[in-house]
Amino acid sequence: MADEVAELQLFVDIVKAGNLSAAARALNSSPAAMSRGLGALESRLGVRLVTRTSRTFELTEEGHLFYERCERIVAEIAEAEAEASSQGKTVKGKLRIGAPVGIGRRLVAPLVAQFVEKYPGVQIHLYLSDSGLDVVDDGLDIALRVGLPTDASVMAKKILSTRRIVCASPSYLKRHGVPRRPEDLQQHNCIRLVRGRRVMDAWLFQENGKRFEVTVSGNLTTTGGLVIHDWVKSGRGIGLKAVWDVQPDLEAGTIIECLKDFWCEQIDLFAICVNRQHLFPRIRIFLDYISSTLPEMVQRECRSCLPESSPAGAQTGAKSRISGKVGLAKR
């Protein structure tokens, strides 16, 4: 195994150097030795990784894919050795964190900034996307996402729970009236979220323990949750939003909750990471940090988030709004 790791390291060094001669100079070796090492790796894999002549040195398609994996593997080995040598006392290294745009920008980003103040040896790259980030496909260490993934190779920790609400601006409700029942939404301009090629136009409600959907329509759709927030706040239509995204506007009265007597759905925010027997200290410590600080932050500002405010007959499973320190569960 040591030989295979050395081959991966050599390949990464050669690609970063740009050619065999430059790699030889950087490693205090010879171009011939570099060529033999690269040839041995290609022979073992049974594939050509590099197209090389006296003037050119270019990765093949297979070489590009292999290099991307190798670079990350080599970096993780180096980080693991550094952390092990310091017995895990020094939290350092790179963290790739993904989160939905709304909660990521308003809540996660400040916590990330506080975390690197506390642990200056950690470098964090925060990715924000509403497309449902995946730790494996998107190359993340931790992905904060709504709902559990189906991938059995990951672990999940529930960080927060809240509910979705139908909401609109006072100006919109003044012009178009307040919906009294979910069916009234069919007469309103409903702003809908798009996921992939699917328009999320079936809004879920519950009354007296019975769940039902209302199909809504409107002239505005978007893939961005923040855009829906902005359109709702500016009076463009009625939206369906998580309370944690719009809580400051609910408190300020710039967005009004509609249909309070009809329970929508509880949503859970999970922290997802790759299922490893031993998590890097920086990943484990960040998970502990965000699972305690994020619920505290939301609880301080959020007074109407509680699923306990659900109407009679709503799901009893929606009792706990904030759920931190529940441990990592294998999927």
Protein backbone atom coordinates (compact mmCIF):
# COMPACT_ATOMS: atom_id res chain seq x y z
CA MET A 1 0.00 0.00 0.00
CA ALA A 2 2.90 2.37 0.76
CA ASP A 3 4.17 1.95 -2.82
CA GLU A 4 0.75 2.76 -4.27
CA VAL A 5 0.48 5.92 -2.13
CA ALA A 6 3.98 6.95 -3.24
CA GLU A 7 2.90 6.52 -6.87
CA LEU A 8 -0.13 8.74 -6.31
CA GLN A 9 2.05 11.38 -4.67
CA LEU A 10 4.52 11.24 -7.55
CA PHE A 11 1.74 11.62 -10.11
CA VAL A 12 0.32 14.65 -8.26
CA ASP A 13 3.79 16.22 -8.03
CA ILE A 14 4.43 15.71 -11.76
CA VAL A 15 1.09 17.24 -12.79
CA LYS A 16 1.52 20.22 -10.46
CA ALA A 17 5.04 20.81 -11.78
CA GLY A 18 3.75 20.82 -15.35
CA ASN A 19 6.24 18.39 -16.90
CA LEU A 20 8.78 15.70 -16.02
CA SER A 21 11.81 18.00 -16.02
CA ALA A 22 10.23 20.53 -13.67
CA ALA A 23 9.06 17.73 -11.36
CA ALA A 24 12.57 16.26 -11.35
CA ARG A 25 14.06 19.61 -10.34
CA ALA A 26 11.48 20.10 -7.58
CA LEU A 27 12.05 16.60 -6.20
CA ASN A 28 15.82 16.61 -6.67
CA SER A 29 15.58 13.67 -9.05
CA SER A 30 15.99 13.07 -12.78
CA PRO A 31 13.51 13.22 -15.69
CA ALA A 32 14.28 9.58 -16.41
CA ALA A 33 13.27 8.58 -12.89
CA MET A 34 10.08 10.63 -13.20
CA SER A 35 9.29 8.94 -16.51
CA ARG A 36 9.88 5.47 -15.06
CA GLY A 37 7.62 6.21 -12.09
CA LEU A 38 4.84 7.54 -14.30
CA GLY A 39 5.20 4.60 -16.67
CA ALA A 40 4.97 2.13 -13.79
CA LEU A 41 1.76 3.76 -12.58
CA GLU A 42 0.21 3.70 -16.05
CA SER A 43 1.24 0.06 -16.46
CA ARG A 44 -0.33 -0.91 -13.14
CA LEU A 45 -3.57 0.90 -14.00
CA GLY A 46 -3.61 -0.26 -17.61
CA VAL A 47 -4.44 3.21 -18.91
CA ARG A 48 -2.49 6.15 -20.33
CA LEU A 49 -2.69 9.14 -18.00
CA VAL A 50 -0.47 11.59 -19.86
CA THR A 51 0.23 12.33 -23.52
CA ARG A 52 3.86 13.41 -23.62
CA THR A 53 6.30 14.27 -26.37
CA SER A 54 9.51 16.25 -26.39
CA ARG A 55 7.43 19.45 -26.46
CA THR A 56 4.07 18.67 -24.90
CA PHE A 57 2.82 17.23 -21.62
CA GLU A 58 -0.97 16.93 -21.41
CA LEU A 59 -3.32 14.88 -19.26
CA THR A 60 -5.65 12.49 -21.02
CA GLU A 61 -9.32 12.47 -20.07
CA GLU A 62 -8.62 9.52 -17.77
CA GLY A 63 -5.62 11.40 -16.41
CA HIS A 64 -7.73 14.43 -15.51
CA LEU A 65 -10.25 12.30 -13.61
CA PHE A 66 -7.51 10.33 -11.87
CA TYR A 67 -5.62 13.48 -10.90
CA GLU A 68 -8.68 15.07 -9.27
CA ARG A 69 -9.12 12.03 -7.05
CA CYS A 70 -5.41 11.65 -6.35
CA GLU A 71 -4.97 15.27 -5.35
CA ARG A 72 -7.67 15.00 -2.71
CA ILE A 73 -6.43 11.62 -1.44
CA VAL A 74 -2.86 12.86 -1.08
CA ALA A 75 -4.04 16.02 0.70
CA GLU A 76 -6.18 14.04 3.12
CA ILE A 77 -3.32 11.65 3.90
CA ALA A 78 -1.05 14.61 4.65
CA GLU A 79 -3.70 16.21 6.85
CA ALA A 80 -4.38 12.94 8.67
CA GLU A 81 -0.69 12.49 9.41
CA ALA A 82 -0.37 16.07 10.64
CA GLU A 83 -3.37 15.72 12.92
CA ALA A 84 -2.24 12.34 14.22
CA SER A 85 1.26 13.63 14.95
CA SER A 86 -0.23 16.44 17.04
CA GLN A 87 -2.55 13.89 18.75
CA GLY A 88 -5.56 15.82 17.52
CA LYS A 89 -4.85 18.76 19.84
CA THR A 90 -4.35 21.23 17.00
CA VAL A 91 -7.45 21.72 14.86
CA LYS A 92 -6.26 22.63 11.39
CA GLY A 93 -6.75 21.90 7.72
CA LYS A 94 -9.35 22.66 5.05
CA LEU A 95 -13.09 22.30 5.49
CA ARG A 96 -15.53 22.35 2.59
CA ILE A 97 -18.98 23.23 3.92
CA GLY A 98 -22.17 23.39 1.83
CA ALA A 99 -25.49 24.96 2.84
CA PRO A 100 -28.76 26.26 1.35
CA VAL A 101 -28.44 29.87 0.20
CA GLY A 102 -30.94 31.48 2.58
CA ILE A 103 -29.95 29.95 5.90
CA GLY A 104 -26.35 29.70 4.70
CA ARG A 105 -26.00 33.41 4.05
CA ARG A 106 -27.93 34.65 7.08
CA LEU A 107 -26.99 32.13 9.77
CA VAL A 108 -24.28 29.66 8.72
CA ALA A 109 -21.86 32.25 7.30
CA PRO A 110 -21.58 34.20 10.59
CA LEU A 111 -21.01 30.95 12.50
CA VAL A 112 -18.30 29.91 10.05
CA ALA A 113 -16.55 33.25 10.58
CA GLN A 114 -16.74 32.76 14.36
CA PHE A 115 -15.40 29.22 14.03
CA VAL A 116 -12.25 30.26 12.16
CA GLU A 117 -11.67 32.97 14.76
CA LYS A 118 -11.72 30.28 17.41
CA TYR A 119 -9.68 27.83 15.31
CA PRO A 120 -7.38 29.95 13.09
CA GLY A 121 -5.63 26.85 11.76
CA VAL A 122 -8.79 25.86 9.84
CA GLN A 123 -9.52 27.19 6.36
CA ILE A 124 -13.18 26.98 5.37
CA HIS A 125 -14.68 27.20 1.90
CA LEU A 126 -18.42 27.80 2.20
CA TYR A 127 -20.52 26.69 -0.79
CA LEU A 128 -24.07 28.05 -1.00
CA SER A 129 -26.61 26.37 -3.27
CA ASP A 130 -30.32 25.58 -3.24
CA SER A 131 -29.85 22.54 -5.46
CA GLY A 132 -29.38 20.06 -2.59
CA LEU A 133 -25.62 19.69 -2.16
CA ASP A 134 -24.15 16.20 -1.89
CA VAL A 135 -21.01 15.49 0.14
CA VAL A 136 -19.71 12.90 -2.33
CA ASP A 137 -20.70 14.36 -5.70
CA ASP A 138 -19.85 17.93 -4.69
CA GLY A 139 -16.63 17.04 -2.85
CA LEU A 140 -17.74 18.42 0.52
CA ASP A 141 -16.70 17.55 4.05
CA ILE A 142 -20.08 18.58 5.47
CA ALA A 143 -23.33 19.40 3.66
CA LEU A 144 -26.16 21.14 5.48
CA ARG A 145 -29.35 20.19 3.71
CA VAL A 146 -33.07 19.84 4.24
CA GLY A 147 -34.13 16.21 4.53
CA LEU A 148 -32.19 12.99 4.76
CA PRO A 149 -30.29 11.76 1.71
CA THR A 150 -30.89 8.25 0.39
CA ASP A 151 -27.16 7.52 0.11
CA ALA A 152 -26.25 4.77 2.56
CA SER A 153 -22.58 5.78 2.57
CA VAL A 154 -23.14 8.97 4.59
CA MET A 155 -23.93 9.88 8.18
CA ALA A 156 -26.47 12.48 9.25
CA LYS A 157 -26.98 14.66 12.30
CA LYS A 158 -30.18 16.66 12.76
CA ILE A 159 -29.40 20.29 13.52
CA LEU A 160 -32.73 22.12 13.34
CA SER A 161 -36.42 21.57 12.76
CA THR A 162 -38.98 24.17 11.74
CA ARG A 163 -42.07 24.44 9.56
CA ARG A 164 -42.92 25.86 6.18
CA ILE A 165 -45.48 28.64 6.07
CA VAL A 166 -47.52 30.40 3.41
CA CYS A 167 -46.60 34.07 3.53
CA ALA A 168 -47.00 37.37 1.71
CA SER A 169 -46.31 41.07 2.16
CA PRO A 170 -48.92 43.42 3.66
CA SER A 171 -49.08 45.31 0.37
CA TYR A 172 -49.90 42.15 -1.62
CA LEU A 173 -52.61 41.10 0.86
CA LYS A 174 -54.09 44.59 0.79
CA ARG A 175 -54.36 44.48 -3.02
CA HIS A 176 -55.48 40.88 -3.47
CA GLY A 177 -57.08 39.85 -0.19
CA VAL A 178 -56.09 37.32 2.48
CA PRO A 179 -56.57 33.62 1.66
CA ARG A 180 -58.84 31.96 4.23
CA ARG A 181 -58.40 28.36 3.13
CA PRO A 182 -55.64 26.59 1.15
CA GLU A 183 -57.97 26.28 -1.84
CA ASP A 184 -58.08 30.09 -2.04
CA LEU A 185 -54.44 30.02 -3.18
CA GLN A 186 -55.64 28.94 -6.61
CA GLN A 187 -56.92 32.50 -7.06
CA HIS A 188 -53.58 34.04 -6.09
CA ASN A 189 -50.22 34.60 -7.75
CA CYS A 190 -48.13 31.92 -6.04
CA ILE A 191 -44.35 32.08 -6.38
CA ARG A 192 -42.99 28.58 -6.93
CA LEU A 193 -39.62 26.98 -6.41
CA VAL A 194 -37.99 24.91 -9.17
CA ARG A 195 -35.94 21.79 -8.40
CA GLY A 196 -34.20 20.39 -11.44
CA ARG A 197 -36.90 20.35 -14.08
CA ARG A 198 -39.72 20.09 -11.57
CA VAL A 199 -41.85 23.07 -10.55
CA MET A 200 -42.88 22.69 -6.90
CA ASP A 201 -46.52 23.61 -7.41
CA ALA A 202 -48.17 21.04 -5.10
CA TRP A 203 -48.29 22.66 -1.64
CA LEU A 204 -48.99 20.34 1.27
CA PHE A 205 -51.46 21.12 4.06
CA GLN A 206 -53.07 19.33 6.96
CA GLU A 207 -56.44 19.84 8.61
CA ASN A 208 -57.87 17.74 11.44
CA GLY A 209 -55.15 15.15 10.90
CA LYS A 210 -55.86 14.80 7.16
CA ARG A 211 -53.15 15.69 4.67
CA PHE A 212 -54.00 17.17 1.30
CA GLU A 213 -52.32 19.05 -1.53
CA VAL A 214 -53.32 22.20 -3.33
CA THR A 215 -51.92 22.81 -6.82
CA VAL A 216 -50.95 26.45 -7.16
CA SER A 217 -49.91 28.61 -10.11
CA GLY A 218 -48.43 32.01 -10.82
CA ASN A 219 -46.24 33.97 -13.17
CA LEU A 220 -42.98 33.67 -11.19
CA THR A 221 -40.77 30.62 -10.67
CA THR A 222 -37.13 30.39 -9.62
CA THR A 223 -34.43 27.99 -8.45
CA GLY A 224 -33.37 30.45 -5.72
CA GLY A 225 -34.89 30.50 -2.27
CA LEU A 226 -33.58 34.01 -1.62
CA VAL A 227 -35.28 35.23 -4.79
CA ILE A 228 -38.62 33.89 -3.54
CA HIS A 229 -38.01 35.73 -0.28
CA ASP A 230 -37.29 38.99 -2.10
CA TRP A 231 -40.32 38.63 -4.40
CA VAL A 232 -42.63 37.88 -1.48
CA LYS A 233 -41.30 40.81 0.53
CA SER A 234 -41.71 43.19 -2.42
CA GLY A 235 -45.35 42.20 -2.91
CA ARG A 236 -45.00 40.13 -6.08
CA GLY A 237 -47.01 37.19 -4.81
CA ILE A 238 -47.52 34.53 -2.13
CA GLY A 239 -44.68 32.17 -1.25
CA LEU A 240 -44.00 29.02 0.74
CA LYS A 241 -40.96 29.51 2.98
CA ALA A 242 -39.23 27.93 5.96
CA VAL A 243 -39.72 30.03 9.07
CA TRP A 244 -35.98 30.21 9.73
CA ASP A 245 -35.58 31.99 6.37
CA VAL A 246 -38.17 34.72 6.99
CA GLN A 247 -38.26 35.06 10.78
CA PRO A 248 -36.77 38.58 10.95
CA ASP A 249 -39.41 39.80 8.47
CA LEU A 250 -42.18 38.07 10.40
CA GLU A 251 -41.04 39.84 13.57
CA ALA A 252 -40.83 43.17 11.72
CA GLY A 253 -44.21 42.73 10.02
CA THR A 254 -42.80 43.09 6.51
CA ILE A 255 -43.95 39.54 5.76
CA ILE A 256 -47.21 38.12 7.09
CA GLU A 257 -47.98 34.45 7.72
CA CYS A 258 -51.20 33.27 6.04
CA LEU A 259 -53.37 30.22 6.71
CA LYS A 260 -52.16 29.78 10.29
CA ASP A 261 -54.93 27.29 11.00
CA PHE A 262 -53.60 24.89 8.37
CA TRP A 263 -50.41 23.06 9.17
CA CYS A 264 -48.00 22.86 6.28
CA GLU A 265 -45.04 20.56 6.88
CA GLN A 266 -42.16 20.24 9.26
CA ILE A 267 -38.71 20.36 7.69
CA ASP A 268 -35.43 19.25 9.23
CA LEU A 269 -31.95 20.56 8.57
CA PHE A 270 -29.29 17.83 8.68
CA ALA A 271 -25.51 17.97 8.67
CA ILE A 272 -24.31 15.24 6.30
CA CYS A 273 -20.78 13.85 6.13
CA VAL A 274 -19.09 10.81 4.64
CA ASN A 275 -19.41 7.71 6.80
CA ARG A 276 -15.95 7.27 8.29
CA GLN A 277 -14.95 5.31 11.38
CA HIS A 278 -12.75 8.21 12.52
CA LEU A 279 -13.73 11.75 11.58
CA PHE A 280 -10.98 14.33 11.23
CA PRO A 281 -10.94 16.51 14.38
CA ARG A 282 -11.84 19.62 12.37
CA ILE A 283 -14.99 17.90 11.01
CA ARG A 284 -16.03 16.50 14.37
CA ILE A 285 -15.44 19.80 16.19
CA PHE A 286 -17.29 21.83 13.54
CA LEU A 287 -20.27 19.46 13.76
CA ASP A 288 -20.37 19.87 17.54
CA TYR A 289 -19.99 23.63 17.18
CA ILE A 290 -22.77 24.19 14.66
CA SER A 291 -25.15 21.71 16.32
CA SER A 292 -25.02 23.78 19.50
CA THR A 293 -24.61 27.34 18.22
CA LEU A 294 -27.04 27.30 15.27
CA PRO A 295 -30.08 26.20 17.33
CA GLU A 296 -29.16 28.76 20.00
CA MET A 297 -28.95 31.51 17.37
CA VAL A 298 -32.29 30.57 15.83
CA GLN A 299 -33.95 30.23 19.23
CA ARG A 300 -32.85 33.72 20.26
CA GLU A 301 -34.45 35.35 17.23
CA CYS A 302 -37.23 32.89 16.47
CA ARG A 303 -40.39 33.05 18.54
CA SER A 304 -42.96 31.65 16.09
CA CYS A 305 -40.85 28.84 14.59
CA LEU A 306 -42.03 26.27 17.06
CA PRO A 307 -43.81 23.27 15.59
CA GLU A 308 -45.69 23.20 18.92
CA SER A 309 -47.77 26.04 17.47
CA SER A 310 -49.26 23.61 14.96
CA PRO A 311 -53.05 23.33 14.92
CA ALA A 312 -54.85 20.44 16.57
CA GLY A 313 -54.54 17.25 14.58
CA ALA A 314 -51.13 18.04 13.16
CA GLN A 315 -48.50 15.34 13.20
CA THR A 316 -47.30 14.52 16.69
CA GLY A 317 -43.87 13.81 15.28
CA ALA A 318 -43.41 17.53 14.72
CA LYS A 319 -42.95 18.36 18.39
CA SER A 320 -39.34 19.38 18.63
CA ARG A 321 -38.18 22.44 16.75
CA ILE A 322 -34.52 22.26 17.65
CA SER A 323 -32.70 19.01 17.78
CA GLY A 324 -28.98 19.20 18.37
CA LYS A 325 -26.44 16.74 19.76
CA VAL A 326 -28.45 13.74 18.59
CA GLY A 327 -25.33 12.02 17.35
CA LEU A 328 -24.34 10.87 13.90
CA ALA A 329 -26.54 8.20 12.44
CA LYS A 330 -25.45 5.87 9.67
CA ARG A 331 -27.66 6.01 6.63
